[in-house]
Amino acid sequence: MSAVILHLDHVSFSTAAFDESIRVFSSVGYRHGFIERDVPNPAIKRPFLGRYRDTHALSLLTLPGSIGIEVIDHGEVSTGAAPLRPVFEGTPPFPFEKAGTCRIGSRDFAEARLRTIGGRILISPGASGPGPRIRSIVCPAENLAESARFFGLLGMQPGETAPGIAVLKGRSLMSSLTWDLILIPDPGGSRHLLDNPGFTGLAFITSSAMRERDSFREQGYPVTGILEMRLHGRRLLIFFVTGPSGEPVELIEVATEPL
C-alpha cells in the first residue's frame, strides 16, 4: 500500500531571536503547541545546515485555517536569505518594513521584511480570520516543470497557469486547510539551508515515513535515513527528501507502532 500525504504541517522559520519570534507570531493569534529547548539536533539535518550544533530549540505555532509556523533556533543563523516567502493574508499587525510590490501570476503582493526577527514575507490584501493566515507560499525553482513534478508527489495538483510560474494546490486530509504553492523561476539557484534567517522549508505529515521514503528513493530523489524521536509526548518518524532545486522537505509520521 502506498503512503499518503495527510497534511502540510508547517513552514519552518529559522531565527536567532527565538523567544521574540514566538512573541511576535503569538501576538497576532498563533498559539504554540509546545516550546522545547536543548533538543538534540538530528544528524540527518547536517547536510542542510550551514553550521551544525548539537542541540536546537523549537516551537510549533498554529492558527485555525493556516499553515503552521515552526520557530527554530539552531544556535546561530547562516548568512544569506531563506528562499521561501509565505503570504500573510491581510496586513499583519506585527512590525515589518515594506520593500516594494510585485505581481505573481494574477495576484498582487506587497513585499516586506519582518523588522525585529528577520525573514522575508509577502502580504496579500483581503479579509483574514483570527490573525493573519498563511495559505500560500512562494518557492523559487530552477526548473519549474521538474519542481512541479516533485511537489506533485507530495499530494498537490496543478492549479492556475500563467506565464513563468507554476501553481500547485493542496488539501489537507486532517483538517479543512487548503493551500497554494507558487513556484517562480530561480535561474541563479537559491541555496536552501535550514538555518538561513527566515522561512526555510516545508514539513508534511505522511501516513508512512518508510513507504514514502522508499517511493522517493525509487524515483531518484535523495533521501536521508529515518530518524525516530520523541517530541512533546509524541513519537515521530522523520526523514528529509531533496527536491530538484535543492529544496529540503521534511516528512513526518506520527507513529503508533514500533519501527
Protein backbone atom coordinates (compact mmCIF):
# COMPACT_ATOMS: atom_id res chain seq x y z
CA MET A 1 0.00 0.00 0.00
CA SER A 2 1.31 3.44 -0.92
CA ALA A 3 1.91 6.17 1.62
CA VAL A 4 -0.47 9.12 1.68
CA ILE A 5 0.36 12.77 2.32
CA LEU A 6 -2.09 13.80 5.02
CA HIS A 7 -1.31 17.42 5.78
CA LEU A 8 1.06 20.36 5.22
CA ASP A 9 2.01 20.74 8.85
CA HIS A 10 4.26 23.80 8.91
CA VAL A 11 6.77 26.09 7.31
CA SER A 12 9.99 26.42 9.29
CA PHE A 13 11.18 29.83 10.47
CA SER A 14 14.89 29.95 11.34
CA THR A 15 15.96 32.65 13.77
CA ALA A 16 18.48 33.56 16.45
CA ALA A 17 15.70 35.54 18.21
CA PHE A 18 13.75 32.51 19.39
CA ASP A 19 11.66 33.96 22.21
CA GLU A 20 10.98 37.22 20.36
CA SER A 21 9.81 35.29 17.29
CA ILE A 22 7.36 33.29 19.38
CA ARG A 23 6.11 36.53 20.93
CA VAL A 24 5.65 38.20 17.53
CA PHE A 25 3.67 35.37 15.96
CA SER A 26 1.67 34.80 19.16
CA SER A 27 0.71 38.48 19.19
CA VAL A 28 -1.33 38.03 16.00
CA GLY A 29 -3.19 34.89 17.03
CA TYR A 30 -0.81 31.98 16.56
CA ARG A 31 -0.71 29.64 19.57
CA HIS A 32 2.25 27.49 20.46
CA GLY A 33 1.54 23.83 20.93
CA PHE A 34 4.91 23.32 22.57
CA ILE A 35 8.22 25.01 23.29
CA GLU A 36 11.25 22.72 23.51
CA ARG A 37 14.80 23.82 24.29
CA ASP A 38 18.11 21.95 24.15
CA VAL A 39 16.64 19.29 21.89
CA PRO A 40 19.28 17.04 20.25
CA ASN A 41 19.79 18.22 16.67
CA PRO A 42 19.18 15.27 14.32
CA ALA A 43 22.26 14.20 12.39
CA ILE A 44 20.11 13.77 9.27
CA LYS A 45 19.79 17.58 9.17
CA ARG A 46 23.55 18.13 8.97
CA PRO A 47 23.66 18.36 5.12
CA PHE A 48 21.03 21.11 5.21
CA LEU A 49 22.72 23.35 7.78
CA GLY A 50 25.43 25.92 7.26
CA ARG A 51 26.56 25.45 10.87
CA TYR A 52 25.66 22.29 12.74
CA ARG A 53 25.10 22.46 16.50
CA ASP A 54 24.42 19.51 18.81
CA THR A 55 21.17 20.98 20.13
CA HIS A 56 18.46 23.36 18.96
CA ALA A 57 15.24 24.93 20.23
CA LEU A 58 11.88 24.74 18.51
CA SER A 59 8.25 25.68 18.92
CA LEU A 60 5.24 24.88 16.75
CA LEU A 61 2.69 27.68 16.41
CA THR A 62 -0.70 27.13 14.84
CA LEU A 63 -3.69 29.18 13.77
CA PRO A 64 -7.02 27.74 12.53
CA GLY A 65 -7.15 27.75 8.74
CA SER A 66 -3.44 28.48 8.39
CA ILE A 67 -0.25 26.59 7.65
CA GLY A 68 1.62 26.28 10.95
CA ILE A 69 4.91 28.01 11.73
CA GLU A 70 7.77 26.11 13.38
CA VAL A 71 10.10 28.61 15.03
CA ILE A 72 13.53 27.02 15.24
CA ASP A 73 16.83 28.26 16.65
CA HIS A 74 19.95 26.36 15.60
CA GLY A 75 22.19 28.48 17.82
CA GLU A 76 23.05 31.00 15.13
CA VAL A 77 21.84 31.66 11.61
CA SER A 78 23.87 31.26 8.45
CA THR A 79 24.41 34.11 6.04
CA GLY A 80 22.08 34.54 3.11
CA ALA A 81 18.33 34.93 2.82
CA ALA A 82 15.97 31.99 3.18
CA PRO A 83 14.27 31.24 -0.14
CA LEU A 84 10.62 30.76 0.89
CA ARG A 85 8.17 33.63 1.23
CA PRO A 86 4.85 32.89 2.92
CA VAL A 87 1.87 35.03 2.01
CA PHE A 88 0.15 36.61 5.02
CA GLU A 89 -3.50 37.41 4.31
CA GLY A 90 -4.39 40.95 5.27
CA THR A 91 -1.93 43.43 6.74
CA PRO A 92 -0.35 41.78 9.80
CA PRO A 93 -0.15 43.95 12.92
CA PHE A 94 3.39 42.89 13.79
CA PRO A 95 6.25 45.23 12.78
CA PHE A 96 7.52 44.94 9.22
CA GLU A 97 9.31 47.04 6.64
CA LYS A 98 7.78 47.35 3.19
CA ALA A 99 10.15 46.52 0.36
CA GLY A 100 8.03 47.20 -2.71
CA THR A 101 5.30 45.38 -4.58
CA CYS A 102 5.22 42.50 -7.03
CA ARG A 103 2.78 40.63 -9.24
CA ILE A 104 2.97 36.85 -9.43
CA GLY A 105 0.56 35.39 -11.93
CA SER A 106 -2.73 37.22 -11.44
CA ARG A 107 -2.06 38.22 -7.83
CA ASP A 108 -0.56 41.41 -6.44
CA PHE A 109 1.53 41.36 -3.27
CA ALA A 110 3.35 43.75 -1.01
CA GLU A 111 6.92 42.65 -0.29
CA ALA A 112 8.09 43.06 3.29
CA ARG A 113 10.69 42.09 5.84
CA LEU A 114 9.93 41.27 9.46
CA ARG A 115 11.54 44.12 11.37
CA THR A 116 12.58 42.65 14.72
CA ILE A 117 13.13 39.00 13.85
CA GLY A 118 14.15 38.98 10.17
CA GLY A 119 12.65 36.97 7.35
CA ARG A 120 11.02 37.95 4.06
CA ILE A 121 7.26 37.74 3.60
CA LEU A 122 4.56 38.71 1.15
CA ILE A 123 1.32 40.40 2.14
CA SER A 124 -1.94 39.87 0.28
CA PRO A 125 -4.74 42.35 0.89
CA GLY A 126 -8.07 40.98 1.96
CA ALA A 127 -10.00 39.65 4.92
CA SER A 128 -8.46 37.21 7.35
CA GLY A 129 -9.62 35.01 10.19
CA PRO A 130 -8.41 35.23 13.80
CA GLY A 131 -4.98 36.53 12.87
CA PRO A 132 -3.18 36.75 9.51
CA ARG A 133 -3.36 33.29 7.97
CA ILE A 134 -0.81 31.68 5.66
CA ARG A 135 -2.39 29.66 2.87
CA SER A 136 0.09 30.38 0.07
CA ILE A 137 3.87 30.05 -0.08
CA VAL A 138 6.15 31.29 -2.86
CA CYS A 139 9.07 28.99 -3.61
CA PRO A 140 11.89 29.58 -6.15
CA ALA A 141 12.64 26.77 -8.60
CA GLU A 142 15.48 26.36 -11.06
CA ASN A 143 13.24 24.27 -13.33
CA LEU A 144 9.52 24.86 -12.92
CA ALA A 145 8.43 21.63 -14.58
CA GLU A 146 10.77 19.44 -12.52
CA SER A 147 9.83 21.12 -9.25
CA ALA A 148 6.13 20.91 -10.10
CA ARG A 149 6.53 17.18 -10.66
CA PHE A 150 8.38 16.80 -7.34
CA PHE A 151 5.77 18.66 -5.31
CA GLY A 152 3.05 16.77 -7.17
CA LEU A 153 4.41 13.66 -5.45
CA LEU A 154 3.54 15.41 -2.17
CA GLY A 155 -0.15 15.29 -2.93
CA MET A 156 -0.57 18.59 -4.76
CA GLN A 157 -2.43 19.17 -8.02
CA PRO A 158 -1.79 21.69 -10.83
CA GLY A 159 -3.61 24.98 -10.29
CA GLU A 160 -3.51 28.36 -12.00
CA THR A 161 -1.49 28.52 -15.20
CA ALA A 162 0.30 31.76 -16.01
CA PRO A 163 3.46 32.59 -17.94
CA GLY A 164 6.59 31.96 -15.91
CA ILE A 165 5.02 30.40 -12.80
CA ALA A 166 3.57 27.09 -11.70
CA VAL A 167 0.88 26.91 -9.01
CA LEU A 168 0.12 23.70 -7.17
CA LYS A 169 -2.89 23.26 -4.91
CA GLY A 170 -3.01 21.08 -1.82
CA ARG A 171 -5.77 19.92 0.50
CA SER A 172 -5.36 18.52 3.98
CA LEU A 173 -6.87 15.16 4.89
CA MET A 174 -6.69 16.11 8.58
CA SER A 175 -8.44 19.50 8.55
CA SER A 176 -10.21 21.95 6.24
CA LEU A 177 -6.91 23.60 5.27
CA THR A 178 -6.19 24.20 1.60
CA TRP A 179 -3.05 25.85 0.27
CA ASP A 180 -1.23 27.06 -2.83
CA LEU A 181 2.44 26.51 -3.54
CA ILE A 182 3.57 29.13 -6.06
CA LEU A 183 6.75 28.19 -7.94
CA ILE A 184 8.66 31.05 -9.55
CA PRO A 185 11.81 30.96 -11.72
CA ASP A 186 15.14 30.99 -9.93
CA PRO A 187 17.81 30.82 -12.65
CA GLY A 188 20.60 31.74 -10.22
CA GLY A 189 19.80 28.87 -7.89
CA SER A 190 18.96 29.74 -4.27
CA ARG A 191 20.91 27.96 -1.56
CA HIS A 192 18.42 26.09 0.55
CA LEU A 193 19.77 25.89 4.10
CA LEU A 194 17.55 25.25 7.09
CA ASP A 195 19.48 27.71 9.24
CA ASN A 196 19.29 30.65 6.84
CA PRO A 197 17.40 33.50 8.50
CA GLY A 198 13.72 33.41 7.64
CA PHE A 199 11.34 30.82 6.20
CA THR A 200 13.39 27.85 5.10
CA GLY A 201 11.45 24.64 4.48
CA LEU A 202 8.15 22.78 4.39
CA ALA A 203 7.11 19.82 6.53
CA PHE A 204 4.36 17.35 5.60
CA ILE A 205 2.60 14.66 7.60
CA THR A 206 2.63 11.26 5.89
CA SER A 207 0.84 8.03 6.69
CA SER A 208 4.13 6.09 6.45
CA ALA A 209 7.65 7.50 6.57
CA MET A 210 9.14 4.21 5.41
CA ARG A 211 6.92 3.78 2.35
CA GLU A 212 7.19 7.49 1.49
CA ARG A 213 10.98 7.33 1.69
CA ASP A 214 11.12 4.19 -0.48
CA SER A 215 8.91 5.83 -3.10
CA PHE A 216 11.05 8.96 -3.38
CA ARG A 217 14.26 6.92 -3.46
CA GLU A 218 12.92 4.70 -6.24
CA GLN A 219 12.23 7.81 -8.30
CA GLY A 220 15.78 9.07 -7.87
CA TYR A 221 15.35 11.79 -5.25
CA PRO A 222 18.00 11.95 -2.49
CA VAL A 223 16.61 10.91 0.88
CA THR A 224 18.06 10.74 4.39
CA GLY A 225 17.66 7.91 6.82
CA ILE A 226 14.62 7.78 9.06
CA LEU A 227 15.01 9.32 12.48
CA GLU A 228 12.89 8.19 15.42
CA MET A 229 12.41 10.85 18.06
CA ARG A 230 10.03 11.81 20.84
CA LEU A 231 8.83 15.38 20.90
CA HIS A 232 6.17 16.86 23.15
CA GLY A 233 4.92 13.43 24.14
CA ARG A 234 4.65 12.11 20.58
CA ARG A 235 6.76 9.50 18.83
CA LEU A 236 7.76 10.76 15.40
CA LEU A 237 9.45 9.13 12.42
CA ILE A 238 11.15 11.78 10.28
CA PHE A 239 13.20 11.94 7.11
CA PHE A 240 14.16 14.55 4.52
CA VAL A 241 13.92 14.39 0.75
CA THR A 242 15.73 16.86 -1.51
CA GLY A 243 13.89 18.33 -4.48
CA PRO A 244 15.35 19.15 -7.91
CA SER A 245 16.27 22.71 -6.89
CA GLY A 246 17.98 21.54 -3.70
CA GLU A 247 14.97 22.25 -1.51
CA PRO A 248 14.84 20.06 1.62
CA VAL A 249 11.36 18.82 2.50
CA GLU A 250 10.63 17.17 5.84
CA LEU A 251 8.29 14.17 6.01
CA ILE A 252 6.84 13.24 9.40
CA GLU A 253 4.92 10.18 10.51
CA VAL A 254 3.20 10.35 13.88
CA ALA A 255 3.88 6.76 14.88
CA THR A 256 1.67 4.48 16.92
CA GLU A 257 3.58 1.22 16.43
CA PRO A 258 7.24 0.28 16.92
CA LEU A 259 9.53 0.98 13.95
